[in-house]
Amino acid sequence: MTRTVSTLTALGAAAIVASCSTAPVQEARSPKAQRELAAALAGRTAQAPVRCIPNYRANQMEIIDDYTILFRDGRTVYVQNPRGGCRGIDLGGYTLVTRQYGTAQLCDGDINQIVDLRSGIGGGACVFSPFVPYKKS
């Protein structure tokens, strides 16, 4: 009986730990988002992921869907797949507000606010993952 209780306790603990996984959930891209991403990356080759990118201007950011944001810096396009996505950012009428403290870079781990442009009210947040640079071949 004691062995059964300890086995059940161990299985329960393992289930709890597994449910706390921080692995990003990537939903399937819509056909439209797939086309937009393919067009933006056409003729470019993926490089090794980087932790930070130079700060950007708002007109250099492109929202593909809730799970994909592009940042352009000259000839390089950085692909950002925020951990768990940025729910609602693709709806239009929302923007991503980033705050840098003591740095002029956007980095893996930065927490960014999603804000409704009409009301100015925050609509959630998302956390950046590493950035994947794509450069012209």
N, C-alpha and C. Protein backbone atom coordinates (compact mmCIF):
# COMPACT_ATOMS: atom_id res chain seq x y z
N MET A 1 0.83 -1.19 0.00
CA MET A 1 0.00 0.00 0.00
C MET A 1 0.87 1.25 0.00
N THR A 2 1.94 1.29 0.78
CA THR A 2 2.82 2.44 0.84
C THR A 2 3.49 2.68 -0.50
N ARG A 3 3.91 1.61 -1.17
CA ARG A 3 4.55 1.74 -2.49
C ARG A 3 3.55 2.34 -3.49
N THR A 4 2.30 1.94 -3.44
CA THR A 4 1.29 2.47 -4.34
C THR A 4 1.07 3.96 -4.10
N VAL A 5 1.00 4.36 -2.84
CA VAL A 5 0.80 5.77 -2.51
C VAL A 5 1.99 6.60 -2.98
N SER A 6 3.22 6.12 -2.76
CA SER A 6 4.40 6.88 -3.19
C SER A 6 4.50 6.93 -4.71
N THR A 7 4.07 5.86 -5.39
CA THR A 7 4.08 5.87 -6.85
C THR A 7 3.06 6.88 -7.37
N LEU A 8 1.87 6.89 -6.79
CA LEU A 8 0.84 7.84 -7.20
C LEU A 8 1.28 9.27 -6.91
N THR A 9 1.94 9.49 -5.79
CA THR A 9 2.44 10.82 -5.45
C THR A 9 3.48 11.26 -6.47
N ALA A 10 4.39 10.36 -6.83
CA ALA A 10 5.42 10.69 -7.82
C ALA A 10 4.80 10.99 -9.17
N LEU A 11 3.80 10.20 -9.57
CA LEU A 11 3.13 10.45 -10.86
C LEU A 11 2.39 11.79 -10.84
N GLY A 12 1.75 12.10 -9.72
CA GLY A 12 1.05 13.38 -9.60
C GLY A 12 2.01 14.55 -9.68
N ALA A 13 3.15 14.42 -9.00
CA ALA A 13 4.17 15.49 -9.05
C ALA A 13 4.71 15.66 -10.46
N ALA A 14 4.94 14.56 -11.17
CA ALA A 14 5.44 14.64 -12.54
C ALA A 14 4.42 15.32 -13.45
N ALA A 15 3.14 15.03 -13.24
CA ALA A 15 2.09 15.67 -14.05
C ALA A 15 2.04 17.17 -13.80
N ILE A 16 2.22 17.58 -12.57
CA ILE A 16 2.21 19.01 -12.23
C ILE A 16 3.38 19.72 -12.88
N VAL A 17 4.56 19.11 -12.80
CA VAL A 17 5.75 19.71 -13.41
C VAL A 17 5.58 19.80 -14.91
N ALA A 18 5.05 18.76 -15.54
CA ALA A 18 4.85 18.77 -16.99
C ALA A 18 3.85 19.84 -17.40
N SER A 19 2.84 20.10 -16.58
CA SER A 19 1.86 21.12 -16.94
C SER A 19 2.41 22.53 -16.83
N CYS A 20 3.54 22.70 -16.17
CA CYS A 20 4.15 24.02 -16.02
C CYS A 20 5.20 24.30 -17.09
N SER A 21 5.21 23.53 -18.13
CA SER A 21 6.18 23.68 -19.20
C SER A 21 6.12 25.09 -19.77
N THR A 22 7.29 25.66 -20.07
CA THR A 22 7.34 26.99 -20.66
C THR A 22 7.59 26.92 -22.16
N ALA A 23 7.45 25.74 -22.74
CA ALA A 23 7.65 25.61 -24.18
C ALA A 23 6.62 26.47 -24.91
N PRO A 24 7.07 27.23 -25.91
CA PRO A 24 6.14 28.09 -26.62
C PRO A 24 5.13 27.27 -27.41
N VAL A 25 3.90 27.75 -27.44
CA VAL A 25 2.86 27.10 -28.21
C VAL A 25 2.73 27.89 -29.51
N GLN A 26 2.97 27.25 -30.62
CA GLN A 26 2.88 27.91 -31.92
C GLN A 26 1.64 27.39 -32.63
N GLU A 27 0.68 28.26 -32.82
CA GLU A 27 -0.50 27.87 -33.56
C GLU A 27 -0.15 27.85 -35.03
N ALA A 28 -0.93 27.10 -35.79
CA ALA A 28 -0.71 27.02 -37.23
C ALA A 28 -0.95 28.38 -37.86
N ARG A 29 -0.07 28.76 -38.79
CA ARG A 29 -0.24 30.02 -39.49
C ARG A 29 -1.36 29.89 -40.51
N SER A 30 -2.10 30.95 -40.67
CA SER A 30 -3.13 30.98 -41.71
C SER A 30 -2.43 31.01 -43.06
N PRO A 31 -3.11 30.61 -44.12
CA PRO A 31 -2.51 30.69 -45.46
C PRO A 31 -2.06 32.12 -45.80
N LYS A 32 -2.86 33.12 -45.39
CA LYS A 32 -2.49 34.52 -45.65
C LYS A 32 -1.18 34.87 -44.93
N ALA A 33 -1.05 34.49 -43.66
CA ALA A 33 0.16 34.77 -42.89
C ALA A 33 1.36 34.03 -43.49
N GLN A 34 1.16 32.81 -43.95
CA GLN A 34 2.24 32.06 -44.59
C GLN A 34 2.73 32.79 -45.84
N ARG A 35 1.80 33.30 -46.64
CA ARG A 35 2.18 34.03 -47.86
C ARG A 35 2.94 35.31 -47.52
N GLU A 36 2.46 36.06 -46.52
CA GLU A 36 3.11 37.30 -46.12
C GLU A 36 4.52 37.05 -45.61
N LEU A 37 4.69 36.02 -44.79
CA LEU A 37 6.02 35.69 -44.26
C LEU A 37 6.95 35.24 -45.37
N ALA A 38 6.46 34.39 -46.27
CA ALA A 38 7.28 33.92 -47.39
C ALA A 38 7.73 35.09 -48.26
N ALA A 39 6.82 36.03 -48.53
CA ALA A 39 7.17 37.20 -49.35
C ALA A 39 8.22 38.06 -48.65
N ALA A 40 8.08 38.26 -47.35
CA ALA A 40 9.02 39.10 -46.60
C ALA A 40 10.41 38.47 -46.53
N LEU A 41 10.48 37.15 -46.55
CA LEU A 41 11.77 36.47 -46.40
C LEU A 41 12.32 35.94 -47.72
N ALA A 42 11.64 36.20 -48.83
CA ALA A 42 12.09 35.71 -50.14
C ALA A 42 13.50 36.18 -50.44
N GLY A 43 14.35 35.26 -50.87
CA GLY A 43 15.73 35.59 -51.22
C GLY A 43 16.64 35.79 -50.01
N ARG A 44 16.17 35.45 -48.84
CA ARG A 44 16.96 35.61 -47.61
C ARG A 44 17.24 34.25 -46.99
N THR A 45 18.32 34.18 -46.25
CA THR A 45 18.73 32.96 -45.59
C THR A 45 18.78 33.19 -44.08
N ALA A 46 18.23 32.22 -43.35
CA ALA A 46 18.23 32.32 -41.88
C ALA A 46 19.65 32.22 -41.35
N GLN A 47 19.95 33.02 -40.36
CA GLN A 47 21.24 33.02 -39.66
C GLN A 47 21.00 32.46 -38.25
N ALA A 48 22.06 32.33 -37.49
CA ALA A 48 21.94 31.87 -36.10
C ALA A 48 21.14 32.89 -35.30
N PRO A 49 20.24 32.42 -34.41
CA PRO A 49 19.46 33.35 -33.58
C PRO A 49 20.38 34.25 -32.75
N VAL A 50 19.89 35.46 -32.51
CA VAL A 50 20.62 36.42 -31.68
C VAL A 50 19.74 36.84 -30.52
N ARG A 51 20.38 37.21 -29.42
CA ARG A 51 19.63 37.57 -28.22
C ARG A 51 19.02 38.97 -28.31
N CYS A 52 19.72 39.91 -28.93
CA CYS A 52 19.24 41.30 -29.00
C CYS A 52 19.40 41.83 -30.41
N ILE A 53 18.57 42.83 -30.72
CA ILE A 53 18.69 43.54 -32.00
C ILE A 53 18.72 45.03 -31.70
N PRO A 54 19.23 45.82 -32.65
CA PRO A 54 19.22 47.28 -32.44
C PRO A 54 17.79 47.77 -32.30
N ASN A 55 17.62 48.85 -31.56
CA ASN A 55 16.30 49.45 -31.42
C ASN A 55 15.76 49.75 -32.81
N TYR A 56 14.47 49.82 -32.95
CA TYR A 56 13.84 50.00 -34.25
C TYR A 56 12.90 51.21 -34.21
N ARG A 57 12.52 51.62 -35.42
CA ARG A 57 11.48 52.65 -35.54
C ARG A 57 10.18 51.92 -35.87
N ALA A 58 9.07 52.46 -35.45
CA ALA A 58 7.78 51.79 -35.60
C ALA A 58 7.48 51.38 -37.04
N ASN A 59 7.94 52.16 -38.01
CA ASN A 59 7.65 51.82 -39.40
C ASN A 59 8.52 50.66 -39.90
N GLN A 60 9.41 50.17 -39.06
CA GLN A 60 10.25 49.03 -39.42
C GLN A 60 9.75 47.74 -38.79
N MET A 61 8.57 47.78 -38.16
CA MET A 61 7.98 46.60 -37.55
C MET A 61 6.78 46.18 -38.38
N GLU A 62 6.66 44.89 -38.65
CA GLU A 62 5.54 44.36 -39.43
C GLU A 62 4.93 43.18 -38.68
N ILE A 63 3.64 43.25 -38.44
CA ILE A 63 2.93 42.17 -37.77
C ILE A 63 2.45 41.19 -38.84
N ILE A 64 2.87 39.94 -38.74
CA ILE A 64 2.40 38.90 -39.66
C ILE A 64 1.15 38.24 -39.08
N ASP A 65 1.24 37.84 -37.82
CA ASP A 65 0.10 37.27 -37.09
C ASP A 65 0.43 37.38 -35.60
N ASP A 66 -0.40 36.80 -34.76
CA ASP A 66 -0.18 36.90 -33.31
C ASP A 66 1.10 36.22 -32.86
N TYR A 67 1.72 35.45 -33.73
CA TYR A 67 2.91 34.67 -33.35
C TYR A 67 4.16 35.07 -34.11
N THR A 68 4.05 36.06 -34.99
CA THR A 68 5.20 36.42 -35.82
C THR A 68 5.25 37.93 -36.03
N ILE A 69 6.37 38.53 -35.63
CA ILE A 69 6.60 39.96 -35.82
C ILE A 69 7.94 40.09 -36.53
N LEU A 70 7.98 40.94 -37.55
CA LEU A 70 9.23 41.18 -38.28
C LEU A 70 9.76 42.56 -37.92
N PHE A 71 11.09 42.64 -37.76
CA PHE A 71 11.77 43.91 -37.55
C PHE A 71 12.80 44.05 -38.67
N ARG A 72 12.78 45.18 -39.36
CA ARG A 72 13.71 45.41 -40.46
C ARG A 72 14.81 46.36 -40.01
N ASP A 73 16.04 45.99 -40.36
CA ASP A 73 17.20 46.82 -40.05
C ASP A 73 18.12 46.76 -41.27
N GLY A 74 17.96 47.73 -42.16
CA GLY A 74 18.75 47.73 -43.39
C GLY A 74 18.40 46.51 -44.23
N ARG A 75 19.41 45.70 -44.56
CA ARG A 75 19.21 44.53 -45.41
C ARG A 75 18.82 43.28 -44.61
N THR A 76 18.69 43.43 -43.31
CA THR A 76 18.37 42.28 -42.46
C THR A 76 16.93 42.37 -41.96
N VAL A 77 16.25 41.23 -42.00
CA VAL A 77 14.91 41.11 -41.43
C VAL A 77 15.03 40.15 -40.25
N TYR A 78 14.61 40.63 -39.07
CA TYR A 78 14.64 39.79 -37.87
C TYR A 78 13.24 39.24 -37.63
N VAL A 79 13.15 37.94 -37.45
CA VAL A 79 11.87 37.30 -37.16
C VAL A 79 11.78 37.07 -35.66
N GLN A 80 10.70 37.55 -35.08
CA GLN A 80 10.43 37.39 -33.65
C GLN A 80 9.17 36.55 -33.48
N ASN A 81 9.30 35.45 -32.77
CA ASN A 81 8.17 34.59 -32.41
C ASN A 81 8.02 34.65 -30.90
N PRO A 82 7.25 35.63 -30.39
CA PRO A 82 7.12 35.79 -28.94
C PRO A 82 6.63 34.51 -28.26
N ARG A 83 7.14 34.27 -27.09
CA ARG A 83 6.75 33.09 -26.32
C ARG A 83 5.25 33.13 -26.04
N GLY A 84 4.55 32.16 -26.54
CA GLY A 84 3.10 32.11 -26.34
C GLY A 84 2.32 33.08 -27.22
N GLY A 85 3.01 33.83 -28.05
CA GLY A 85 2.36 34.77 -28.96
C GLY A 85 2.01 36.09 -28.29
N CYS A 86 1.49 36.99 -29.10
CA CYS A 86 0.99 38.30 -28.65
C CYS A 86 -0.47 38.35 -29.04
N ARG A 87 -1.29 37.71 -28.26
CA ARG A 87 -2.72 37.56 -28.57
C ARG A 87 -3.38 38.90 -28.85
N GLY A 88 -3.99 39.00 -30.03
CA GLY A 88 -4.75 40.18 -30.39
C GLY A 88 -3.99 41.23 -31.19
N ILE A 89 -2.67 41.12 -31.26
CA ILE A 89 -1.91 42.17 -31.96
C ILE A 89 -2.21 42.19 -33.45
N ASP A 90 -2.65 41.06 -33.99
CA ASP A 90 -2.94 40.96 -35.42
C ASP A 90 -4.33 41.49 -35.78
N LEU A 91 -5.12 41.88 -34.80
CA LEU A 91 -6.49 42.32 -35.05
C LEU A 91 -6.58 43.70 -35.68
N GLY A 92 -5.52 44.46 -35.64
CA GLY A 92 -5.59 45.83 -36.12
C GLY A 92 -6.12 46.70 -35.00
N GLY A 93 -5.68 47.92 -34.94
CA GLY A 93 -6.12 48.79 -33.86
C GLY A 93 -5.30 48.61 -32.59
N TYR A 94 -4.35 47.69 -32.62
CA TYR A 94 -3.46 47.46 -31.49
C TYR A 94 -2.03 47.71 -31.92
N THR A 95 -1.20 48.04 -30.96
CA THR A 95 0.22 48.20 -31.25
C THR A 95 1.03 47.56 -30.14
N LEU A 96 2.29 47.36 -30.41
CA LEU A 96 3.21 46.78 -29.44
C LEU A 96 4.06 47.91 -28.87
N VAL A 97 4.02 48.07 -27.57
CA VAL A 97 4.80 49.11 -26.91
C VAL A 97 5.95 48.44 -26.18
N THR A 98 7.15 48.83 -26.55
CA THR A 98 8.34 48.28 -25.91
C THR A 98 8.99 49.37 -25.07
N ARG A 99 9.59 48.96 -24.00
CA ARG A 99 10.29 49.92 -23.13
C ARG A 99 11.69 49.39 -22.89
N GLN A 100 12.66 50.19 -23.24
CA GLN A 100 14.05 49.83 -22.97
C GLN A 100 14.55 50.67 -21.81
N TYR A 101 15.16 50.03 -20.87
CA TYR A 101 15.73 50.71 -19.72
C TYR A 101 17.24 50.58 -19.78
N GLY A 102 17.93 51.68 -20.06
CA GLY A 102 19.38 51.68 -20.08
C GLY A 102 19.98 50.97 -21.28
N THR A 103 19.19 50.74 -22.32
CA THR A 103 19.71 50.08 -23.51
C THR A 103 18.95 50.58 -24.73
N ALA A 104 19.57 50.47 -25.86
CA ALA A 104 18.93 50.86 -27.11
C ALA A 104 18.67 49.61 -27.94
N GLN A 105 18.36 48.50 -27.27
CA GLN A 105 18.14 47.25 -27.97
C GLN A 105 16.84 46.59 -27.51
N LEU A 106 16.31 45.74 -28.37
CA LEU A 106 15.22 44.84 -28.01
C LEU A 106 15.86 43.49 -27.77
N CYS A 107 15.50 42.82 -26.67
CA CYS A 107 16.20 41.59 -26.31
C CYS A 107 15.26 40.45 -25.94
N ASP A 108 15.78 39.26 -26.08
CA ASP A 108 15.13 38.04 -25.61
C ASP A 108 14.79 38.23 -24.14
N GLY A 109 13.55 37.96 -23.77
CA GLY A 109 13.12 38.12 -22.38
C GLY A 109 12.42 39.44 -22.10
N ASP A 110 12.52 40.42 -23.02
CA ASP A 110 11.82 41.69 -22.82
C ASP A 110 10.31 41.46 -22.78
N ILE A 111 9.64 42.14 -21.87
CA ILE A 111 8.18 42.08 -21.77
C ILE A 111 7.63 43.32 -22.46
N ASN A 112 6.71 43.10 -23.38
CA ASN A 112 6.17 44.18 -24.20
C ASN A 112 4.66 44.26 -24.02
N GLN A 113 4.15 45.47 -23.99
CA GLN A 113 2.72 45.72 -23.75
C GLN A 113 1.98 45.82 -25.07
N ILE A 114 0.80 45.21 -25.14
CA ILE A 114 -0.09 45.38 -26.28
C ILE A 114 -1.11 46.43 -25.88
N VAL A 115 -1.24 47.49 -26.70
CA VAL A 115 -2.10 48.63 -26.35
C VAL A 115 -3.11 48.88 -27.46
N ASP A 116 -4.36 49.10 -27.06
CA ASP A 116 -5.43 49.47 -27.98
C ASP A 116 -5.20 50.93 -28.37
N LEU A 117 -5.02 51.19 -29.66
CA LEU A 117 -4.72 52.55 -30.12
C LEU A 117 -5.88 53.51 -29.92
N ARG A 118 -7.11 53.02 -29.93
CA ARG A 118 -8.28 53.90 -29.77
C ARG A 118 -8.43 54.37 -28.33
N SER A 119 -8.27 53.45 -27.39
CA SER A 119 -8.53 53.80 -25.99
C SER A 119 -7.26 54.05 -25.17
N GLY A 120 -6.13 53.54 -25.67
CA GLY A 120 -4.89 53.67 -24.91
C GLY A 120 -4.79 52.65 -23.78
N ILE A 121 -5.75 51.75 -23.71
CA ILE A 121 -5.76 50.74 -22.64
C ILE A 121 -4.94 49.53 -23.06
N GLY A 122 -4.15 49.03 -22.12
CA GLY A 122 -3.36 47.84 -22.37
C GLY A 122 -4.24 46.63 -22.57
N GLY A 123 -3.83 45.78 -23.49
CA GLY A 123 -4.62 44.60 -23.80
C GLY A 123 -3.86 43.32 -23.57
N GLY A 124 -2.80 43.37 -22.80
CA GLY A 124 -2.01 42.17 -22.55
C GLY A 124 -0.53 42.46 -22.73
N ALA A 125 0.24 41.41 -22.70
CA ALA A 125 1.67 41.55 -22.85
C ALA A 125 2.23 40.30 -23.51
N CYS A 126 3.42 40.43 -24.05
CA CYS A 126 4.10 39.26 -24.61
C CYS A 126 5.59 39.38 -24.32
N VAL A 127 6.24 38.24 -24.32
CA VAL A 127 7.66 38.16 -23.99
C VAL A 127 8.43 37.72 -25.23
N PHE A 128 9.46 38.50 -25.55
CA PHE A 128 10.27 38.16 -26.72
C PHE A 128 11.11 36.91 -26.48
N SER A 129 11.30 36.17 -27.55
CA SER A 129 12.23 35.04 -27.59
C SER A 129 13.45 35.51 -28.39
N PRO A 130 14.44 34.65 -28.63
CA PRO A 130 15.56 35.10 -29.48
C PRO A 130 15.07 35.51 -30.88
N PHE A 131 15.80 36.39 -31.51
CA PHE A 131 15.48 36.90 -32.84
C PHE A 131 16.26 36.10 -33.88
N VAL A 132 15.60 35.76 -34.98
CA VAL A 132 16.28 35.03 -36.06
C VAL A 132 16.50 36.01 -37.22
N PRO A 133 17.77 36.35 -37.49
CA PRO A 133 18.04 37.25 -38.61
C PRO A 133 17.99 36.51 -39.95
N TYR A 134 17.42 37.17 -40.95
CA TYR A 134 17.42 36.65 -42.31
C TYR A 134 18.12 37.70 -43.17
N LYS A 135 19.15 37.25 -43.88
CA LYS A 135 19.93 38.16 -44.73
C LYS A 135 19.84 37.74 -46.17
N LYS A 136 19.95 38.75 -47.06
CA LYS A 136 19.94 38.47 -48.50
C LYS A 136 21.08 37.54 -48.84
N SER A 137 20.76 36.55 -49.68
CA SER A 137 21.77 35.56 -50.09
C SER A 137 22.73 36.13 -51.10
